[in-house]
Amino acid sequence: MRVEFMDANLGRLVREPDFCPAGWHPGLIRVYRRAYQLIRGAIDVRDLWALRSLGLEQLSGDSPGSVSIRLSEHCRLLLDFKSDGEQIAVLVAVVDCH
């Protein structure tokens, strides 16, 4: 699946192995990069739903139509999906849920 980034830091984390944004623990960076690889390797969102270990969850409230992936006990990766002949995952942000 093609991936786009709404947050420049999320893109830098994928492209630059030594990049570490302020406040990011190395373990969280490792889990984020693994989640990115799983998203990138998926054909469409159904593949992601099938991977129960991702903790994919449909959001409601302020972000209806968006989904999130659990990165840690406290952090989630917010995603949107769009289509341009193929499905595109848009990585929006990593948020602390607590």
N, C-alpha and C. Protein backbone atom coordinates (compact mmCIF):
# COMPACT_ATOMS: atom_id res chain seq x y z
N MET A 1 0.86 -1.17 0.00
CA MET A 1 0.00 0.00 0.00
C MET A 1 0.91 1.23 0.00
N ARG A 2 0.52 2.21 -0.77
CA ARG A 2 1.26 3.48 -0.77
C ARG A 2 0.99 4.21 0.53
N VAL A 3 1.99 4.92 1.04
CA VAL A 3 1.87 5.64 2.31
C VAL A 3 2.26 7.10 2.10
N GLU A 4 1.45 7.99 2.68
CA GLU A 4 1.74 9.43 2.70
C GLU A 4 1.79 9.87 4.16
N PHE A 5 2.44 10.99 4.42
CA PHE A 5 2.61 11.48 5.78
C PHE A 5 2.04 12.88 5.92
N MET A 6 1.18 13.08 6.92
CA MET A 6 0.68 14.43 7.22
C MET A 6 1.65 15.15 8.16
N ASP A 7 2.42 14.38 8.91
CA ASP A 7 3.40 14.93 9.86
C ASP A 7 4.79 14.64 9.29
N ALA A 8 5.57 15.69 9.06
CA ALA A 8 6.89 15.52 8.46
C ALA A 8 7.79 14.62 9.31
N ASN A 9 7.66 14.67 10.63
CA ASN A 9 8.49 13.83 11.49
C ASN A 9 8.23 12.35 11.26
N LEU A 10 6.99 11.98 10.96
CA LEU A 10 6.68 10.57 10.70
C LEU A 10 7.41 10.09 9.44
N GLY A 11 7.48 10.94 8.45
CA GLY A 11 8.22 10.60 7.23
C GLY A 11 9.72 10.52 7.48
N ARG A 12 10.23 11.45 8.26
CA ARG A 12 11.67 11.44 8.57
C ARG A 12 12.06 10.19 9.34
N LEU A 13 11.18 9.72 10.23
CA LEU A 13 11.47 8.51 11.00
C LEU A 13 11.67 7.30 10.09
N VAL A 14 11.00 7.29 8.96
CA VAL A 14 11.11 6.19 8.00
C VAL A 14 12.36 6.34 7.13
N ARG A 15 12.65 7.56 6.72
CA ARG A 15 13.74 7.82 5.79
C ARG A 15 15.11 7.95 6.45
N GLU A 16 15.15 8.44 7.70
CA GLU A 16 16.42 8.74 8.36
C GLU A 16 16.61 7.83 9.59
N PRO A 17 17.46 6.81 9.49
CA PRO A 17 17.61 5.85 10.58
C PRO A 17 18.04 6.47 11.91
N ASP A 18 18.76 7.58 11.90
CA ASP A 18 19.26 8.18 13.14
C ASP A 18 18.36 9.27 13.69
N PHE A 19 17.25 9.57 13.01
CA PHE A 19 16.36 10.65 13.45
C PHE A 19 15.58 10.21 14.69
N CYS A 20 15.53 11.09 15.69
CA CYS A 20 14.79 10.82 16.93
C CYS A 20 14.11 12.11 17.36
N PRO A 21 12.80 12.24 17.12
CA PRO A 21 12.10 13.45 17.53
C PRO A 21 12.12 13.60 19.06
N ALA A 22 12.07 14.83 19.52
CA ALA A 22 12.05 15.11 20.96
C ALA A 22 10.86 14.39 21.60
N GLY A 23 11.12 13.73 22.71
CA GLY A 23 10.06 13.06 23.45
C GLY A 23 9.74 11.65 23.00
N TRP A 24 10.41 11.18 21.96
CA TRP A 24 10.17 9.82 21.46
C TRP A 24 11.18 8.87 22.08
N HIS A 25 10.72 7.82 22.68
CA HIS A 25 11.55 6.77 23.25
C HIS A 25 12.01 5.86 22.11
N PRO A 26 13.25 5.37 22.14
CA PRO A 26 13.74 4.48 21.07
C PRO A 26 12.84 3.26 20.84
N GLY A 27 12.23 2.73 21.89
CA GLY A 27 11.33 1.59 21.73
C GLY A 27 10.09 1.96 20.92
N LEU A 28 9.58 3.17 21.12
CA LEU A 28 8.41 3.64 20.36
C LEU A 28 8.78 3.82 18.89
N ILE A 29 9.98 4.32 18.63
CA ILE A 29 10.43 4.49 17.24
C ILE A 29 10.51 3.13 16.56
N ARG A 30 11.03 2.14 17.25
CA ARG A 30 11.15 0.79 16.69
C ARG A 30 9.78 0.21 16.35
N VAL A 31 8.81 0.38 17.26
CA VAL A 31 7.46 -0.14 17.03
C VAL A 31 6.78 0.63 15.89
N TYR A 32 6.99 1.95 15.83
CA TYR A 32 6.42 2.76 14.74
C TYR A 32 6.96 2.27 13.39
N ARG A 33 8.26 2.05 13.31
CA ARG A 33 8.86 1.61 12.03
C ARG A 33 8.34 0.23 11.63
N ARG A 34 8.12 -0.64 12.60
CA ARG A 34 7.56 -1.96 12.30
C ARG A 34 6.12 -1.82 11.78
N ALA A 35 5.33 -0.96 12.43
CA ALA A 35 3.95 -0.73 11.98
C ALA A 35 3.96 -0.15 10.56
N TYR A 36 4.87 0.78 10.28
CA TYR A 36 4.99 1.35 8.93
C TYR A 36 5.25 0.24 7.91
N GLN A 37 6.15 -0.68 8.22
CA GLN A 37 6.46 -1.77 7.29
C GLN A 37 5.25 -2.65 7.03
N LEU A 38 4.46 -2.90 8.07
CA LEU A 38 3.25 -3.70 7.90
C LEU A 38 2.23 -2.98 7.03
N ILE A 39 2.08 -1.68 7.24
CA ILE A 39 1.16 -0.87 6.43
C ILE A 39 1.64 -0.86 4.99
N ARG A 40 2.92 -0.62 4.79
CA ARG A 40 3.50 -0.55 3.45
C ARG A 40 3.33 -1.88 2.71
N GLY A 41 3.41 -2.99 3.43
CA GLY A 41 3.30 -4.30 2.81
C GLY A 41 1.87 -4.76 2.56
N ALA A 42 0.90 -4.05 3.12
CA ALA A 42 -0.50 -4.45 2.94
C ALA A 42 -1.00 -4.08 1.55
N ILE A 43 -1.89 -4.88 1.02
CA ILE A 43 -2.53 -4.58 -0.27
C ILE A 43 -3.60 -3.51 -0.07
N ASP A 44 -4.42 -3.69 0.95
CA ASP A 44 -5.44 -2.69 1.29
C ASP A 44 -5.74 -2.79 2.79
N VAL A 45 -6.69 -1.99 3.25
CA VAL A 45 -6.97 -1.91 4.68
C VAL A 45 -7.46 -3.24 5.26
N ARG A 46 -8.05 -4.10 4.44
CA ARG A 46 -8.50 -5.41 4.93
C ARG A 46 -7.33 -6.23 5.45
N ASP A 47 -6.16 -6.10 4.82
CA ASP A 47 -4.98 -6.81 5.31
C ASP A 47 -4.61 -6.34 6.71
N LEU A 48 -4.77 -5.05 6.97
CA LEU A 48 -4.45 -4.51 8.29
C LEU A 48 -5.44 -4.98 9.35
N TRP A 49 -6.73 -5.04 8.98
CA TRP A 49 -7.73 -5.54 9.91
C TRP A 49 -7.45 -7.00 10.28
N ALA A 50 -6.90 -7.76 9.36
CA ALA A 50 -6.61 -9.17 9.61
C ALA A 50 -5.46 -9.37 10.59
N LEU A 51 -4.60 -8.37 10.73
CA LEU A 51 -3.46 -8.45 11.67
C LEU A 51 -3.92 -7.97 13.05
N ARG A 52 -4.50 -8.86 13.80
CA ARG A 52 -5.05 -8.51 15.12
C ARG A 52 -4.00 -7.88 16.05
N SER A 53 -2.74 -8.25 15.88
CA SER A 53 -1.68 -7.73 16.75
C SER A 53 -1.49 -6.22 16.59
N LEU A 54 -1.96 -5.63 15.49
CA LEU A 54 -1.84 -4.18 15.30
C LEU A 54 -2.77 -3.40 16.23
N GLY A 55 -3.82 -4.02 16.69
CA GLY A 55 -4.78 -3.30 17.53
C GLY A 55 -5.49 -2.21 16.74
N LEU A 56 -5.78 -2.47 15.46
CA LEU A 56 -6.46 -1.51 14.60
C LEU A 56 -7.85 -1.24 15.16
N GLU A 57 -8.21 0.03 15.22
CA GLU A 57 -9.47 0.43 15.85
C GLU A 57 -10.09 1.60 15.08
N GLN A 58 -11.38 1.48 14.79
CA GLN A 58 -12.12 2.55 14.13
C GLN A 58 -12.36 3.67 15.14
N LEU A 59 -12.08 4.92 14.76
CA LEU A 59 -12.27 6.05 15.66
C LEU A 59 -13.64 6.68 15.48
N SER A 60 -14.11 7.31 16.52
CA SER A 60 -15.38 8.04 16.47
C SER A 60 -15.14 9.40 17.11
N GLY A 61 -16.17 10.15 17.36
CA GLY A 61 -16.01 11.45 17.99
C GLY A 61 -15.42 12.47 17.04
N ASP A 62 -14.25 13.02 17.38
CA ASP A 62 -13.61 14.06 16.57
C ASP A 62 -13.05 13.55 15.25
N SER A 63 -12.84 12.25 15.14
CA SER A 63 -12.19 11.68 13.95
C SER A 63 -12.96 10.53 13.34
N PRO A 64 -14.24 10.71 13.01
CA PRO A 64 -14.96 9.58 12.41
C PRO A 64 -14.36 9.25 11.04
N GLY A 65 -14.29 7.97 10.74
CA GLY A 65 -13.72 7.55 9.46
C GLY A 65 -12.23 7.27 9.54
N SER A 66 -11.59 7.71 10.60
CA SER A 66 -10.17 7.43 10.79
C SER A 66 -10.00 6.15 11.60
N VAL A 67 -8.79 5.61 11.57
CA VAL A 67 -8.47 4.43 12.37
C VAL A 67 -7.19 4.71 13.13
N SER A 68 -6.91 3.87 14.11
CA SER A 68 -5.65 4.00 14.83
C SER A 68 -5.05 2.62 15.04
N ILE A 69 -3.74 2.62 15.21
CA ILE A 69 -2.98 1.41 15.49
C ILE A 69 -2.28 1.63 16.82
N ARG A 70 -2.37 0.64 17.69
CA ARG A 70 -1.72 0.73 19.00
C ARG A 70 -0.22 0.52 18.84
N LEU A 71 0.57 1.52 19.26
CA LEU A 71 2.02 1.40 19.23
C LEU A 71 2.56 0.98 20.59
N SER A 72 1.90 1.45 21.64
CA SER A 72 2.29 1.09 23.00
C SER A 72 1.05 1.19 23.86
N GLU A 73 1.23 0.97 25.14
CA GLU A 73 0.10 1.07 26.06
C GLU A 73 -0.53 2.47 26.02
N HIS A 74 0.29 3.48 25.75
CA HIS A 74 -0.19 4.86 25.80
C HIS A 74 -0.28 5.56 24.45
N CYS A 75 0.38 5.05 23.43
CA CYS A 75 0.46 5.79 22.16
C CYS A 75 -0.23 5.04 21.02
N ARG A 76 -0.88 5.83 20.16
CA ARG A 76 -1.54 5.27 18.98
C ARG A 76 -1.14 6.07 17.75
N LEU A 77 -1.05 5.38 16.63
CA LEU A 77 -0.78 5.99 15.33
C LEU A 77 -2.12 6.21 14.64
N LEU A 78 -2.44 7.47 14.31
CA LEU A 78 -3.69 7.79 13.63
C LEU A 78 -3.48 7.72 12.13
N LEU A 79 -4.44 7.08 11.44
CA LEU A 79 -4.37 6.91 9.99
C LEU A 79 -5.69 7.29 9.35
N ASP A 80 -5.60 7.78 8.15
CA ASP A 80 -6.74 7.96 7.27
C ASP A 80 -6.43 7.17 6.01
N PHE A 81 -7.45 6.87 5.25
CA PHE A 81 -7.25 6.17 3.98
C PHE A 81 -7.94 6.95 2.88
N LYS A 82 -7.30 6.98 1.72
CA LYS A 82 -7.91 7.60 0.55
C LYS A 82 -7.59 6.72 -0.64
N SER A 83 -8.23 7.02 -1.76
CA SER A 83 -8.04 6.20 -2.94
C SER A 83 -7.69 7.09 -4.13
N ASP A 84 -6.71 6.65 -4.88
CA ASP A 84 -6.30 7.32 -6.11
C ASP A 84 -5.99 6.23 -7.14
N GLY A 85 -7.00 5.37 -7.37
CA GLY A 85 -6.79 4.20 -8.20
C GLY A 85 -6.25 3.05 -7.38
N GLU A 86 -5.55 3.35 -6.32
CA GLU A 86 -5.08 2.37 -5.35
C GLU A 86 -5.34 2.97 -3.96
N GLN A 87 -5.38 2.12 -2.97
CA GLN A 87 -5.63 2.62 -1.62
C GLN A 87 -4.34 3.20 -1.05
N ILE A 88 -4.47 4.37 -0.41
CA ILE A 88 -3.33 5.08 0.16
C ILE A 88 -3.57 5.26 1.65
N ALA A 89 -2.59 4.90 2.46
CA ALA A 89 -2.66 5.12 3.90
C ALA A 89 -1.99 6.46 4.19
N VAL A 90 -2.69 7.32 4.90
CA VAL A 90 -2.15 8.62 5.28
C VAL A 90 -1.86 8.56 6.78
N LEU A 91 -0.58 8.61 7.14
CA LEU A 91 -0.19 8.59 8.54
C LEU A 91 -0.32 10.00 9.08
N VAL A 92 -1.27 10.20 9.99
CA VAL A 92 -1.62 11.54 10.45
C VAL A 92 -0.75 11.99 11.61
N ALA A 93 -0.69 11.21 12.67
CA ALA A 93 0.04 11.63 13.87
C ALA A 93 0.16 10.46 14.83
N VAL A 94 1.08 10.58 15.75
CA VAL A 94 1.17 9.68 16.88
C VAL A 94 0.69 10.48 18.08
N VAL A 95 -0.30 9.92 18.79
CA VAL A 95 -0.87 10.65 19.92
C VAL A 95 -0.74 9.81 21.19
N ASP A 96 -0.59 10.52 22.31
CA ASP A 96 -0.58 9.89 23.62
C ASP A 96 -2.03 9.90 24.12
N CYS A 97 -2.57 8.74 24.35
CA CYS A 97 -3.98 8.61 24.70
C CYS A 97 -4.24 8.79 26.19
N HIS A 98 -3.21 8.98 26.99
CA HIS A 98 -3.41 9.10 28.44
C HIS A 98 -2.93 10.41 28.97
